[in-house]
C-alpha atoms as a PDB file:
ATOM      1  CA  MET A   1      92.755  83.145 143.656  1.00  0.00           C
ATOM      2  CA  GLU A   2      93.889  79.556 143.286  1.00  0.00           C
ATOM      3  CA  ILE A   3      92.425  77.023 140.888  1.00  0.00           C
ATOM      4  CA  VAL A   4      93.032  73.294 141.067  1.00  0.00           C
ATOM      5  CA  HIS A   5      93.142  71.518 137.726  1.00  0.00           C
ATOM      6  CA  ARG A   6      93.290  67.761 137.417  1.00  0.00           C
ATOM      7  CA  ALA A   7      95.842  67.392 134.623  1.00  0.00           C
ATOM      8  CA  ALA A   8      95.972  63.591 134.798  1.00  0.00           C
ATOM      9  CA  PRO A   9      92.603  62.374 136.116  1.00  0.00           C
ATOM     10  CA  CYS A  10      93.579  58.713 135.829  1.00  0.00           C
ATOM     11  CA  ARG A  11      96.352  59.304 138.376  1.00  0.00           C
ATOM     12  CA  ASN A  12      94.409  62.005 140.215  1.00  0.00           C
ATOM     13  CA  VAL A  13      97.465  64.307 140.294  1.00  0.00           C
ATOM     14  CA  PRO A  14      96.429  67.899 141.063  1.00  0.00           C
ATOM     15  CA  VAL A  15      98.228  70.717 139.281  1.00  0.00           C
ATOM     16  CA  THR A  16      97.757  74.038 140.996  1.00  0.00           C
ATOM     17  CA  PHE A  17      98.389  77.418 139.456  1.00  0.00           C
ATOM     18  CA  THR A  18      97.614  80.971 140.423  1.00  0.00           C
ATOM     19  CA  LEU A  19      95.146  82.816 138.201  1.00  0.00           C
ATOM     20  CA  ASP A  20      97.100  86.083 138.351  1.00  0.00           C
ATOM     21  CA  LEU A  21     100.276  84.470 137.020  1.00  0.00           C
ATOM     22  CA  MET A  22      98.407  82.599 134.331  1.00  0.00           C
ATOM     23  CA  SER A  23      96.673  85.748 133.179  1.00  0.00           C
ATOM     24  CA  ASP A  24     100.072  87.353 132.465  1.00  0.00           C
ATOM     25  CA  VAL A  25     101.135  84.310 130.469  1.00  0.00           C
ATOM     26  CA  ASP A  26      97.777  84.137 128.702  1.00  0.00           C
ATOM     27  CA  ARG A  27      97.997  87.838 127.923  1.00  0.00           C
ATOM     28  CA  ALA A  28     101.430  87.332 126.346  1.00  0.00           C
ATOM     29  CA  PHE A  29     100.135  84.493 124.170  1.00  0.00           C
ATOM     30  CA  GLN A  30      97.105  86.568 123.218  1.00  0.00           C
ATOM     31  CA  ALA A  31      99.419  89.417 122.195  1.00  0.00           C
ATOM     32  CA  LEU A  32     101.495  86.993 120.126  1.00  0.00           C
ATOM     33  CA  GLY A  33      98.308  85.864 118.377  1.00  0.00           C
ATOM     34  CA  GLU A  34      97.327  89.472 117.701  1.00  0.00           C
ATOM     35  CA  PHE A  35     100.794  90.084 116.267  1.00  0.00           C
ATOM     36  CA  VAL A  36     100.273  87.171 113.858  1.00  0.00           C
ATOM     37  CA  ILE A  37      96.913  88.587 112.752  1.00  0.00           C
ATOM     38  CA  ALA A  38      98.365  92.082 112.271  1.00  0.00           C
ATOM     39  CA  PHE A  39     101.295  90.693 110.296  1.00  0.00           C
ATOM     40  CA  GLN A  40      99.002  88.618 108.077  1.00  0.00           C
ATOM     41  CA  TRP A  41      96.856  91.713 107.441  1.00  0.00           C
ATOM     42  CA  VAL A  42      99.939  93.546 106.142  1.00  0.00           C
ATOM     43  CA  GLU A  43     100.960  90.610 103.959  1.00  0.00           C
ATOM     44  CA  ASN A  44      97.447  90.324 102.536  1.00  0.00           C
ATOM     45  CA  LYS A  45      97.266  94.069 101.864  1.00  0.00           C
ATOM     46  CA  TYR A  46     100.473  93.828  99.835  1.00  0.00           C
ATOM     47  CA  ARG A  47      98.866  91.037  97.803  1.00  0.00           C
ATOM     48  CA  GLU A  48      95.693  93.084  97.256  1.00  0.00           C
ATOM     49  CA  ILE A  49      97.747  96.042  96.038  1.00  0.00           C
ATOM     50  CA  GLY A  50      99.743  93.843  93.691  1.00  0.00           C
ATOM     51  CA  TRP A  51      96.632  92.094  92.392  1.00  0.00           C
ATOM     52  CA  PHE A  52      94.926  95.417  91.716  1.00  0.00           C
ATOM     53  CA  ILE A  53      97.933  96.673  89.770  1.00  0.00           C
ATOM     54  CA  LEU A  54      98.179  93.460  87.735  1.00  0.00           C
ATOM     55  CA  ASP A  55      94.461  92.956  87.092  1.00  0.00           C
ATOM     56  CA  PRO A  56      92.288  95.857  88.288  1.00  0.00           C
ATOM     57  CA  GLU A  57      89.187  94.472  86.584  1.00  0.00           C
ATOM     58  CA  ARG A  58      89.729  91.012  88.020  1.00  0.00           C
ATOM     59  CA  LYS A  59      89.425  89.314  84.662  1.00  0.00           C
ATOM     60  CA  ARG A  60      91.130  86.250  86.105  1.00  0.00           C
ATOM     61  CA  TRP A  61      90.003  85.505  89.619  1.00  0.00           C
ATOM     62  CA  PRO A  62      91.349  84.210  91.874  1.00  0.00           C
ATOM     63  CA  PRO A  63      94.717  85.576  90.825  1.00  0.00           C
ATOM     64  CA  ARG A  64      97.636  83.214  90.469  1.00  0.00           C
ATOM     65  CA  ALA A  65     100.363  85.810  90.845  1.00  0.00           C
ATOM     66  CA  LEU A  66     101.815  86.802  94.233  1.00  0.00           C
ATOM     67  CA  ARG A  67     100.513  83.715  96.034  1.00  0.00           C
ATOM     68  CA  THR A  68     103.659  81.760  96.784  1.00  0.00           C
ATOM     69  CA  GLU A  69     106.328  84.426  97.305  1.00  0.00           C
ATOM     70  CA  SER A  70     108.092  84.725 100.619  1.00  0.00           C
ATOM     71  CA  ASN A  71     107.121  87.806 102.559  1.00  0.00           C
ATOM     72  CA  ALA A  72     110.389  89.538 101.633  1.00  0.00           C
ATOM     73  CA  ARG A  73     109.897  88.889  97.918  1.00  0.00           C
ATOM     74  CA  LEU A  74     106.239  89.884  98.127  1.00  0.00           C
ATOM     75  CA  ILE A  75     107.091  93.255  99.684  1.00  0.00           C
ATOM     76  CA  ASP A  76     109.882  93.899  97.171  1.00  0.00           C
ATOM     77  CA  GLY A  77     107.842  92.713  94.198  1.00  0.00           C
ATOM     78  CA  VAL A  78     104.757  94.768  94.995  1.00  0.00           C
ATOM     79  CA  THR A  79     106.904  97.808  95.766  1.00  0.00           C
ATOM     80  CA  LYS A  80     108.475  97.444  92.316  1.00  0.00           C
ATOM     81  CA  LEU A  81     105.028  97.123  90.678  1.00  0.00           C
ATOM     82  CA  TYR A  82     103.738 100.181  92.546  1.00  0.00           C
ATOM     83  CA  THR A  83     106.702 102.417  91.786  1.00  0.00           C
ATOM     84  CA  GLN A  84     106.725 101.322  88.134  1.00  0.00           C
ATOM     85  CA  ARG A  85     103.042 102.214  87.930  1.00  0.00           C
ATOM     86  CA  THR A  86     103.754 105.713  89.285  1.00  0.00           C
ATOM     87  CA  ARG A  87     106.493 106.187  86.652  1.00  0.00           C
ATOM     88  CA  THR A  88     104.358 104.835  83.815  1.00  0.00           C
ATOM     89  CA  TYR A  89     101.438 107.181  84.507  1.00  0.00           C
ATOM     90  CA  GLN A  90     101.343 110.856  85.482  1.00  0.00           C
ATOM     91  CA  PHE A  91      99.317 110.603  88.667  1.00  0.00           C
ATOM     92  CA  PRO A  92      98.896 114.019  90.333  1.00  0.00           C
ATOM     93  CA  ASN A  93     100.615 112.815  93.531  1.00  0.00           C
ATOM     94  CA  GLY A  94     102.456 109.815  92.062  1.00  0.00           C
ATOM     95  CA  ALA A  95     106.010 110.789  93.011  1.00  0.00           C
ATOM     96  CA  GLU A  96     104.988 111.533  96.596  1.00  0.00           C
ATOM     97  CA  LYS A  97     103.095 108.234  96.880  1.00  0.00           C
ATOM     98  CA  ALA A  98     105.982 106.254  95.363  1.00  0.00           C
ATOM     99  CA  LYS A  99     108.403 107.770  97.874  1.00  0.00           C
ATOM    100  CA  ASP A 100     106.079 106.849 100.735  1.00  0.00           C
ATOM    101  CA  PHE A 101     105.616 103.310  99.401  1.00  0.00           C
ATOM    102  CA  LEU A 102     109.397 102.874  99.285  1.00  0.00           C
ATOM    103  CA  SER A 103     109.665 103.971 102.920  1.00  0.00           C
ATOM    104  CA  LEU A 104     106.945 101.478 103.855  1.00  0.00           C
ATOM    105  CA  ARG A 105     108.985  98.720 102.225  1.00  0.00           C
ATOM    106  CA  ASP A 106     111.831  99.391 104.642  1.00  0.00           C
ATOM    107  CA  GLN A 107     109.493  99.568 107.644  1.00  0.00           C
ATOM    108  CA  PHE A 108     107.736  96.326 106.776  1.00  0.00           C
ATOM    109  CA  HIS A 109     111.021  94.518 106.223  1.00  0.00           C
ATOM    110  CA  THR A 110     111.808  95.451 109.815  1.00  0.00           C
ATOM    111  CA  LEU A 111     108.408  94.086 110.878  1.00  0.00           C
ATOM    112  CA  ARG A 112     109.261  90.884 109.016  1.00  0.00           C
ATOM    113  CA  GLN A 113     112.469  90.641 111.049  1.00  0.00           C
ATOM    114  CA  HIS A 114     110.403  90.991 114.247  1.00  0.00           C
ATOM    115  CA  ARG A 115     108.134  88.214 113.011  1.00  0.00           C
ATOM    116  CA  ASN A 116     111.090  85.972 112.252  1.00  0.00           C
ATOM    117  CA  SER A 117     112.577  86.728 115.644  1.00  0.00           C
ATOM    118  CA  PHE A 118     109.338  85.728 117.401  1.00  0.00           C
ATOM    119  CA  PHE A 119     108.650  82.635 115.331  1.00  0.00           C
ATOM    120  CA  HIS A 120     112.152  81.221 115.188  1.00  0.00           C
ATOM    121  CA  SER A 121     112.752  81.605 118.913  1.00  0.00           C
ATOM    122  CA  THR A 122     112.838  78.968 121.593  1.00  0.00           C
ATOM    123  CA  PHE A 123     110.450  79.493 124.485  1.00  0.00           C
ATOM    124  CA  THR A 124     111.488  78.130 127.852  1.00  0.00           C
ATOM    125  CA  GLU A 125     108.860  77.764 130.550  1.00  0.00           C
ATOM    126  CA  ILE A 126     110.087  79.249 133.822  1.00  0.00           C
ATOM    127  CA  LYS A 127     108.538  77.881 136.989  1.00  0.00           C
ATOM    128  CA  THR A 128     108.768  79.033 140.565  1.00  0.00           C
ATOM    129  CA  ALA A 129     107.526  76.778 143.340  1.00  0.00           C
ATOM    130  CA  GLY A 130     106.047  74.517 140.679  1.00  0.00           C
ATOM    131  CA  GLU A 131     104.015  77.288 139.082  1.00  0.00           C
ATOM    132  CA  VAL A 132     104.537  78.858 135.654  1.00  0.00           C
ATOM    133  CA  ALA A 133     106.033  82.291 136.189  1.00  0.00           C
ATOM    134  CA  GLY A 134     106.469  83.064 132.521  1.00  0.00           C
ATOM    135  CA  TYR A 135     108.377  82.201 129.380  1.00  0.00           C
ATOM    136  CA  LEU A 136     111.870  83.207 128.386  1.00  0.00           C
ATOM    137  CA  ARG A 137     112.217  83.826 124.666  1.00  0.00           C
ATOM    138  CA  SER A 138     115.625  82.994 123.201  1.00  0.00           C
ATOM    139  CA  ASP A 139     116.615  83.853 119.650  1.00  0.00           C
ATOM    140  CA  VAL A 140     119.949  82.278 118.786  1.00  0.00           C
ATOM    141  CA  ARG A 141     119.937  83.256 115.115  1.00  0.00           C
ATOM    142  CA  PRO A 142     122.186  86.056 113.878  1.00  0.00           C
ATOM    143  CA  PRO A 143     120.243  89.355 113.831  1.00  0.00           C
ATOM    144  CA  HIS A 144     121.205  90.130 110.208  1.00  0.00           C
ATOM    145  CA  LYS A 145     122.584  88.192 107.262  1.00  0.00           C
ATOM    146  CA  SER A 146     125.669  90.407 107.329  1.00  0.00           C
ATOM    147  CA  ASN A 147     126.554  88.880 110.725  1.00  0.00           C
ATOM    148  CA  ALA A 148     125.761  85.284 109.756  1.00  0.00           C
ATOM    149  CA  GLY A 149     129.042  83.973 111.139  1.00  0.00           C
ATOM    150  CA  GLY A 150     128.971  85.902 114.397  1.00  0.00           C
ATOM    151  CA  ALA A 151     127.725  84.598 117.712  1.00  0.00           C
ATOM    152  CA  HIS A 152     124.467  86.098 118.892  1.00  0.00           C
ATOM    153  CA  CYS A 153     121.847  85.116 121.395  1.00  0.00           C
ATOM    154  CA  ALA A 154     119.025  87.396 122.510  1.00  0.00           C
ATOM    155  CA  HIS A 155     116.929  86.619 125.578  1.00  0.00           C
ATOM    156  CA  GLU A 156     113.864  88.395 126.884  1.00  0.00           C
ATOM    157  CA  TRP A 157     110.774  87.624 128.893  1.00  0.00           C
ATOM    158  CA  LEU A 158     107.819  86.926 126.671  1.00  0.00           C
ATOM    159  CA  SER A 159     105.518  89.750 127.652  1.00  0.00           C
ATOM    160  CA  ALA A 160     102.363  91.214 126.228  1.00  0.00           C
ATOM    161  CA  ASP A 161     103.738  94.726 126.679  1.00  0.00           C
ATOM    162  CA  ALA A 162     106.799  94.011 124.506  1.00  0.00           C
ATOM    163  CA  ILE A 163     104.652  92.478 121.759  1.00  0.00           C
ATOM    164  CA  TYR A 164     102.039  95.235 121.891  1.00  0.00           C
ATOM    165  CA  LYS A 165     104.853  97.774 121.593  1.00  0.00           C
ATOM    166  CA  VAL A 166     105.911  96.198 118.274  1.00  0.00           C
ATOM    167  CA  ILE A 167     102.285  96.063 117.094  1.00  0.00           C
ATOM    168  CA  GLY A 168     101.859  99.735 118.036  1.00  0.00           C
ATOM    169  CA  GLU A 169     104.913 100.742 116.010  1.00  0.00           C
ATOM    170  CA  TYR A 170     103.236  99.353 112.890  1.00  0.00           C
ATOM    171  CA  ALA A 171      99.735 100.772 113.332  1.00  0.00           C
ATOM    172  CA  GLU A 172     100.453 103.995 111.430  1.00  0.00           C
ATOM    173  CA  PRO A 173     102.476 102.356 108.600  1.00  0.00           C
ATOM    174  CA  SER A 174      99.698  99.750 108.230  1.00  0.00           C
ATOM    175  CA  PHE A 175      97.140 102.524 107.903  1.00  0.00           C
ATOM    176  CA  ARG A 176      99.292 104.172 105.226  1.00  0.00           C
ATOM    177  CA  LEU A 177      99.588 100.865 103.366  1.00  0.00           C
ATOM    178  CA  GLY A 178      95.798 100.606 103.313  1.00  0.00           C
ATOM    179  CA  GLN A 179      95.590 104.161 102.012  1.00  0.00           C
ATOM    180  CA  HIS A 180      97.842 103.220  99.100  1.00  0.00           C
ATOM    181  CA  PHE A 181      95.322 100.596  98.049  1.00  0.00           C
ATOM    182  CA  VAL A 182      92.545 103.198  98.222  1.00  0.00           C
ATOM    183  CA  GLN A 183      94.715 105.590  96.181  1.00  0.00           C
ATOM    184  CA  LEU A 184      95.130 102.975  93.442  1.00  0.00           C
ATOM    185  CA  VAL A 185      91.356 102.577  93.277  1.00  0.00           C
ATOM    186  CA  HIS A 186      90.981 106.355  92.899  1.00  0.00           C
ATOM    187  CA  TRP A 187      93.627 106.487  90.171  1.00  0.00           C
ATOM    188  CA  TYR A 188      91.852 103.792  88.167  1.00  0.00           C
ATOM    189  CA  PRO A 189      91.415 103.656  85.208  1.00  0.00           C
ATOM    190  CA  PHE A 190      95.132 104.306  84.976  1.00  0.00           C
ATOM    191  CA  GLU A 191      95.053 105.199  81.286  1.00  0.00           C
ATOM    192  CA  ARG A 192      93.506 108.558  82.205  1.00  0.00           C
ATOM    193  CA  TYR A 193      96.998 109.516  83.380  1.00  0.00           C
ATOM    194  CA  ALA A 194      98.979 108.181  80.428  1.00  0.00           C
ATOM    195  CA  ASN A 195     102.284 109.961  79.864  1.00  0.00           C
ATOM    196  CA  GLU A 196     102.265 112.294  76.874  1.00  0.00           C
ATOM    197  CA  VAL A 197     104.964 111.384  74.343  1.00  0.00           C
END
């Protein structure tokens, strides 16, 4: 199916594109938007966990802490708060939960690297016969700080399938992160589990 769109009506220049090709491009951009929403959910859940640890009764709301940290510092800071809380109190499953929270830290740092890769890339529109065939994503940054001086350039087609694959890899860890918040609520009031001296 072909659609004619008048991009510049004052010059009456028709721009024609094929709906099937545009739907692939639109689907990729939709997937990128869904990735952003999923990533922001994770970041917000880390804040909620940290806020609950710092002020479970919400005596000061909205909280001022954990609002301006970078994502990396937020993940590390909340992980430290969580693991300290499990050492301070004798929760029945505290050691197990702390170990899981530490593993989530590593997984979500990898997600953060995916986010940075997507958002710091250059997107080049590829056309065939005057029609948009897709976008080539180029990430020219070094993949890790340890290789900051090395040459690196990654190219891939921007595709919904590739983005949904990354989102899918983080569905289960995101669920576990949410469960940690629920666990904190169940542990509260924390003083019930005070360490005996």
